Protein backbone atom coordinates (compact mmCIF):
# COMPACT_ATOMS: atom_id res chain seq x y z
CA MET A 1 -33.12 69.64 -44.05
CA ASN A 2 -33.80 69.78 -47.76
CA THR A 3 -30.98 70.60 -50.13
CA GLY A 4 -30.90 71.73 -53.70
CA THR A 5 -33.62 73.43 -55.73
CA PRO A 6 -36.92 71.54 -56.07
CA THR A 7 -37.93 70.67 -59.60
CA SER A 8 -41.48 70.77 -60.92
CA PRO A 9 -43.92 69.02 -58.55
CA MET A 10 -44.95 65.44 -59.22
CA THR A 11 -48.26 65.08 -61.02
CA ARG A 12 -51.11 63.06 -59.54
CA ALA A 13 -50.35 60.28 -62.02
CA GLU A 14 -46.70 60.21 -60.96
CA SER A 15 -47.64 60.12 -57.27
CA ASN A 16 -50.08 57.26 -57.85
CA ALA A 17 -47.49 55.39 -59.90
CA LEU A 18 -44.96 55.70 -57.05
CA VAL A 19 -47.46 54.26 -54.57
CA LEU A 20 -48.25 51.38 -56.92
CA LEU A 21 -44.58 50.68 -57.62
CA THR A 22 -43.85 50.60 -53.88
CA LEU A 23 -46.74 48.23 -53.22
CA GLY A 24 -45.75 46.23 -56.29
CA GLN A 25 -42.42 45.34 -54.69
CA VAL A 26 -44.31 43.77 -51.78
CA VAL A 27 -47.01 42.01 -53.81
CA LEU A 28 -44.65 40.60 -56.42
CA PHE A 29 -42.26 39.27 -53.78
CA LEU A 30 -45.16 37.37 -52.19
CA ILE A 31 -45.43 35.26 -55.37
CA PRO A 32 -42.10 33.43 -54.95
CA LEU A 33 -42.46 33.47 -51.19
CA VAL A 34 -45.80 31.64 -51.31
CA VAL A 35 -45.55 29.59 -54.52
CA LEU A 36 -41.92 28.47 -54.18
CA GLY A 37 -42.23 28.13 -50.43
CA GLN A 38 -45.06 25.64 -50.82
CA ALA A 39 -43.63 23.82 -53.85
CA ILE A 40 -39.92 23.42 -53.06
CA GLY A 41 -39.39 24.88 -49.61
CA TRP A 42 -37.79 28.08 -50.93
CA PRO A 43 -35.53 29.74 -49.92
CA ALA A 44 -34.13 26.84 -47.85
CA SER A 45 -34.14 24.70 -51.04
CA LEU A 46 -31.32 26.88 -52.42
CA ARG A 47 -28.99 25.09 -50.02
CA LEU A 48 -30.07 21.54 -50.95
CA PRO A 49 -27.51 19.24 -52.58
CA ALA A 50 -27.97 18.70 -56.31
CA ALA A 51 -29.17 15.09 -55.89
CA GLU A 52 -32.15 16.38 -53.85
CA ALA A 53 -32.78 19.70 -55.58
CA LEU A 54 -32.88 18.50 -59.20
CA PRO A 55 -35.69 15.91 -58.79
CA LEU A 56 -37.63 18.47 -56.74
CA ILE A 57 -37.30 21.12 -59.46
CA ARG A 58 -38.46 18.64 -62.12
CA ALA A 59 -41.41 17.43 -60.06
CA GLN A 60 -42.58 21.00 -59.37
CA ALA A 61 -41.60 22.47 -62.74
CA ILE A 62 -44.72 24.59 -63.31
CA PHE A 63 -44.59 26.08 -59.82
CA VAL A 64 -40.87 26.79 -60.18
CA GLN A 65 -41.66 28.75 -63.36
CA ILE A 66 -44.54 30.67 -61.77
CA GLY A 67 -42.58 31.46 -58.63
CA TYR A 68 -39.42 32.59 -60.33
CA TRP A 69 -41.29 34.62 -62.95
CA GLY A 70 -42.84 36.48 -60.02
CA TYR A 71 -39.41 36.97 -58.52
CA LEU A 72 -38.06 38.16 -61.88
CA LEU A 73 -40.86 40.71 -62.16
CA THR A 74 -39.92 42.00 -58.70
CA ALA A 75 -36.38 42.67 -59.92
CA VAL A 76 -37.53 44.22 -63.22
CA ALA A 77 -40.10 46.44 -61.46
CA MET A 78 -37.34 47.72 -59.19
CA VAL A 79 -35.91 49.80 -62.06
CA PRO A 80 -38.94 52.10 -62.53
CA PHE A 81 -39.38 52.10 -58.73
CA VAL A 82 -35.85 53.47 -58.26
CA ILE A 83 -36.37 56.05 -61.02
CA ALA A 84 -39.65 57.16 -59.42
CA LEU A 85 -37.90 57.50 -56.04
CA ARG A 86 -35.24 59.68 -57.66
CA ARG A 87 -37.95 61.84 -59.20
CA TYR A 88 -39.74 62.11 -55.85
CA ALA A 89 -36.54 63.10 -54.06
CA SER A 90 -35.73 65.76 -56.67
CA THR A 91 -39.19 67.34 -56.32
CA HIS A 92 -38.65 67.60 -52.56
CA GLY A 93 -35.31 69.38 -52.71
CA ALA A 94 -32.78 66.53 -52.78
CA SER A 95 -30.42 66.49 -55.72
CA GLY A 96 -26.83 65.99 -56.76
CA LEU A 97 -24.38 63.14 -56.33
CA LEU A 98 -26.17 61.44 -53.42
CA VAL A 99 -29.47 61.06 -55.27
CA ASP A 100 -27.79 59.99 -58.50
CA THR A 101 -25.59 57.45 -56.71
CA MET A 102 -28.62 56.08 -54.87
CA ALA A 103 -30.42 55.56 -58.18
CA ALA A 104 -27.34 53.97 -59.77
CA PHE A 105 -26.96 51.42 -56.97
CA GLY A 106 -30.68 50.64 -57.09
CA VAL A 107 -30.64 49.94 -60.82
CA ALA A 108 -27.43 47.90 -60.45
CA ALA A 109 -29.06 45.80 -57.71
CA ALA A 110 -32.06 45.15 -59.98
CA VAL A 111 -29.84 44.06 -62.88
CA LEU A 112 -27.75 41.75 -60.70
CA LYS A 113 -30.86 40.16 -59.19
CA THR A 114 -32.27 39.61 -62.66
CA LEU A 115 -29.09 37.86 -63.81
CA GLY A 116 -29.25 35.53 -60.83
CA ILE A 117 -32.95 34.71 -61.16
CA VAL A 118 -32.84 33.85 -64.88
CA ARG A 119 -30.97 30.59 -64.16
CA TRP A 120 -34.13 29.20 -62.57
CA LEU A 121 -36.20 29.86 -65.69
CA ILE A 122 -33.85 28.19 -68.19
CA GLY A 123 -30.66 26.60 -66.85
CA MET A 124 -31.89 24.78 -63.77
CA PRO A 125 -35.06 23.29 -65.38
CA ALA A 126 -32.91 22.00 -68.27
CA LEU A 127 -30.48 20.33 -65.87
CA ALA A 128 -33.39 18.90 -63.86
CA ASN A 129 -34.96 17.37 -66.98
CA LEU A 130 -31.65 15.83 -68.05
CA TYR A 131 -31.13 14.46 -64.57
CA GLY A 132 -34.58 12.91 -64.51
CA THR A 133 -34.31 11.22 -67.91
CA THR A 134 -31.05 9.36 -67.37
CA THR A 135 -29.96 6.60 -65.02
CA ASP A 136 -26.31 6.75 -66.04
CA ALA A 137 -24.30 7.47 -62.89
CA ALA A 138 -21.53 9.30 -64.76
CA ILE A 139 -23.98 11.58 -66.57
CA ARG A 140 -25.82 12.30 -63.36
CA ALA A 141 -22.56 13.14 -61.62
CA ALA A 142 -21.69 15.57 -64.43
CA ILE A 143 -25.11 17.20 -64.17
CA GLU A 144 -24.67 17.59 -60.42
CA VAL A 145 -21.32 19.31 -60.96
CA ASN A 146 -22.92 21.70 -63.47
CA TYR A 147 -25.76 22.42 -61.04
CA VAL A 148 -23.36 23.27 -58.24
CA ALA A 149 -21.23 25.47 -60.52
CA LEU A 150 -24.18 27.35 -62.03
CA ASN A 151 -25.89 27.75 -58.69
CA GLY A 152 -22.70 28.94 -57.07
CA TYR A 153 -21.85 31.53 -59.70
CA ALA A 154 -25.32 32.85 -60.61
CA GLY A 155 -26.40 32.63 -56.98
CA SER A 156 -23.49 34.81 -55.95
CA VAL A 157 -24.30 37.36 -58.65
CA GLY A 158 -28.01 37.47 -57.84
CA GLU A 159 -28.09 36.91 -54.10
CA LEU A 160 -24.70 37.92 -52.73
CA LEU A 161 -24.29 40.99 -54.93
CA GLY A 162 -27.83 41.90 -56.03
CA VAL A 163 -30.06 41.04 -53.08
CA GLN A 164 -27.53 41.75 -50.35
CA LEU A 165 -24.55 44.00 -51.12
CA PHE A 166 -25.91 46.35 -53.79
CA SER A 167 -29.45 46.42 -52.37
CA GLY A 168 -27.95 47.13 -48.96
CA LEU A 169 -25.87 50.03 -50.26
CA TRP A 170 -28.90 51.33 -52.16
CA LEU A 171 -31.01 51.28 -48.98
CA VAL A 172 -28.32 53.08 -47.00
CA LEU A 173 -28.13 55.84 -49.62
CA LEU A 174 -31.92 55.96 -49.91
CA GLY A 175 -32.10 56.36 -46.15
CA LEU A 176 -29.76 59.37 -46.37
CA VAL A 177 -31.89 60.84 -49.17
CA PHE A 178 -35.05 60.38 -47.10
CA ARG A 179 -33.46 62.21 -44.19
CA GLN A 180 -32.71 65.11 -46.51
CA ILE A 181 -36.35 65.44 -47.55
CA GLY A 182 -37.75 65.10 -44.03
CA PHE A 183 -38.60 61.36 -43.97
CA ARG A 184 -36.47 60.86 -40.87
CA LEU A 185 -38.03 57.66 -39.55
CA HIS A 186 -38.04 56.01 -42.98
CA GLY A 187 -34.51 57.28 -43.49
CA VAL A 188 -33.09 55.83 -40.28
CA THR A 189 -34.89 52.49 -40.56
CA GLY A 190 -34.07 52.17 -44.26
CA ALA A 191 -30.39 52.84 -43.63
CA LEU A 192 -30.32 50.28 -40.81
CA LEU A 193 -31.94 47.69 -43.08
CA GLY A 194 -29.38 48.53 -45.73
CA VAL A 195 -26.50 47.98 -43.33
CA GLY A 196 -28.00 44.63 -42.40
CA PHE A 197 -28.37 43.50 -46.02
CA ALA A 198 -24.85 44.63 -46.86
CA LEU A 199 -23.44 42.77 -43.85
CA THR A 200 -25.20 39.59 -44.98
CA SER A 201 -23.09 39.59 -48.14
CA PHE A 202 -20.02 38.98 -45.95
CA ARG A 203 -21.33 35.61 -44.79
CA THR A 204 -18.60 33.98 -46.88
CA ILE A 205 -16.17 35.39 -44.32
CA ALA A 206 -18.40 35.18 -41.24
CA PRO A 207 -21.04 32.43 -41.78
CA GLU A 208 -22.98 33.51 -38.69
CA LEU A 209 -24.08 36.61 -40.63
CA GLY A 210 -26.23 34.30 -42.77
CA VAL A 211 -28.95 34.42 -40.10
CA LEU A 212 -29.69 37.99 -41.20
CA GLY A 213 -30.91 36.59 -44.52
CA ALA A 214 -33.94 35.11 -42.75
CA ILE A 215 -34.67 38.15 -40.56
CA LEU A 216 -34.27 41.11 -42.90
CA PRO A 217 -36.61 40.32 -45.86
CA PRO A 218 -39.82 40.35 -43.74
CA LEU A 219 -38.66 43.61 -42.12
CA GLY A 220 -37.99 45.01 -45.57
CA LEU A 221 -41.54 44.18 -46.68
CA VAL A 222 -42.99 45.94 -43.63
CA TRP A 223 -40.78 48.94 -44.33
CA LEU A 224 -42.00 49.10 -47.94
CA LEU A 225 -45.63 48.87 -46.85
CA ALA A 226 -45.13 51.74 -44.42
CA LEU A 227 -43.39 53.73 -47.15
CA ALA A 228 -46.30 53.14 -49.55
CA VAL A 229 -48.72 54.44 -46.93
CA THR A 230 -46.58 57.54 -46.43
CA PHE A 231 -46.44 58.23 -50.16
CA TRP A 232 -50.20 57.74 -50.42
CA ARG A 233 -50.93 60.13 -47.55
CA LYS A 234 -48.63 62.81 -48.90
CA ALA A 235 -50.05 62.46 -52.42
């Protein structure tokens, strides 16, 4: 059941933009999935020890840049996507704290993901180049320590918080918003996906939850595609 007072209807341009932003999340994510998957075995390469990961990053430097720029654009494009979703919800009768909180968590997830991704455009390539241009064992050991530290911290910010916890909470809230405006199937499935993503962030406590990280992203892409079709049909 809708709640609140609908605002002015979305224009045709706004409706088209929402469809494109929804599809954009899928298309942009395919860039790192394909490019980095072929070049460095991403995302499994995130778990490689420094001695294996650094030479791989240096050898595939151009593809690492292309792949992670695509991933960065996915995170950046999430901000207008979330704002467009908030606008759509408000025009269909949903308003108030739930919608605003949903938007806040979505933007926070995008910012956190961006902070985590940036390390692959600057920090990690720099460490990889240093590692590849020295044969000094002590220097290499120091570089490996820096790699582990940077990957651990920035990876936790981007993946643990951005991709999993905050994105999961955003999806749960978005699912509740969708139920309010009559998108019941999208609402239920979105909320379930959100619970799954949020649970994945607790893999530091229960490592077996890490398996969700391989299952949920493809399901999320299918969900987004279905959502884009729904927006297009209703436009």
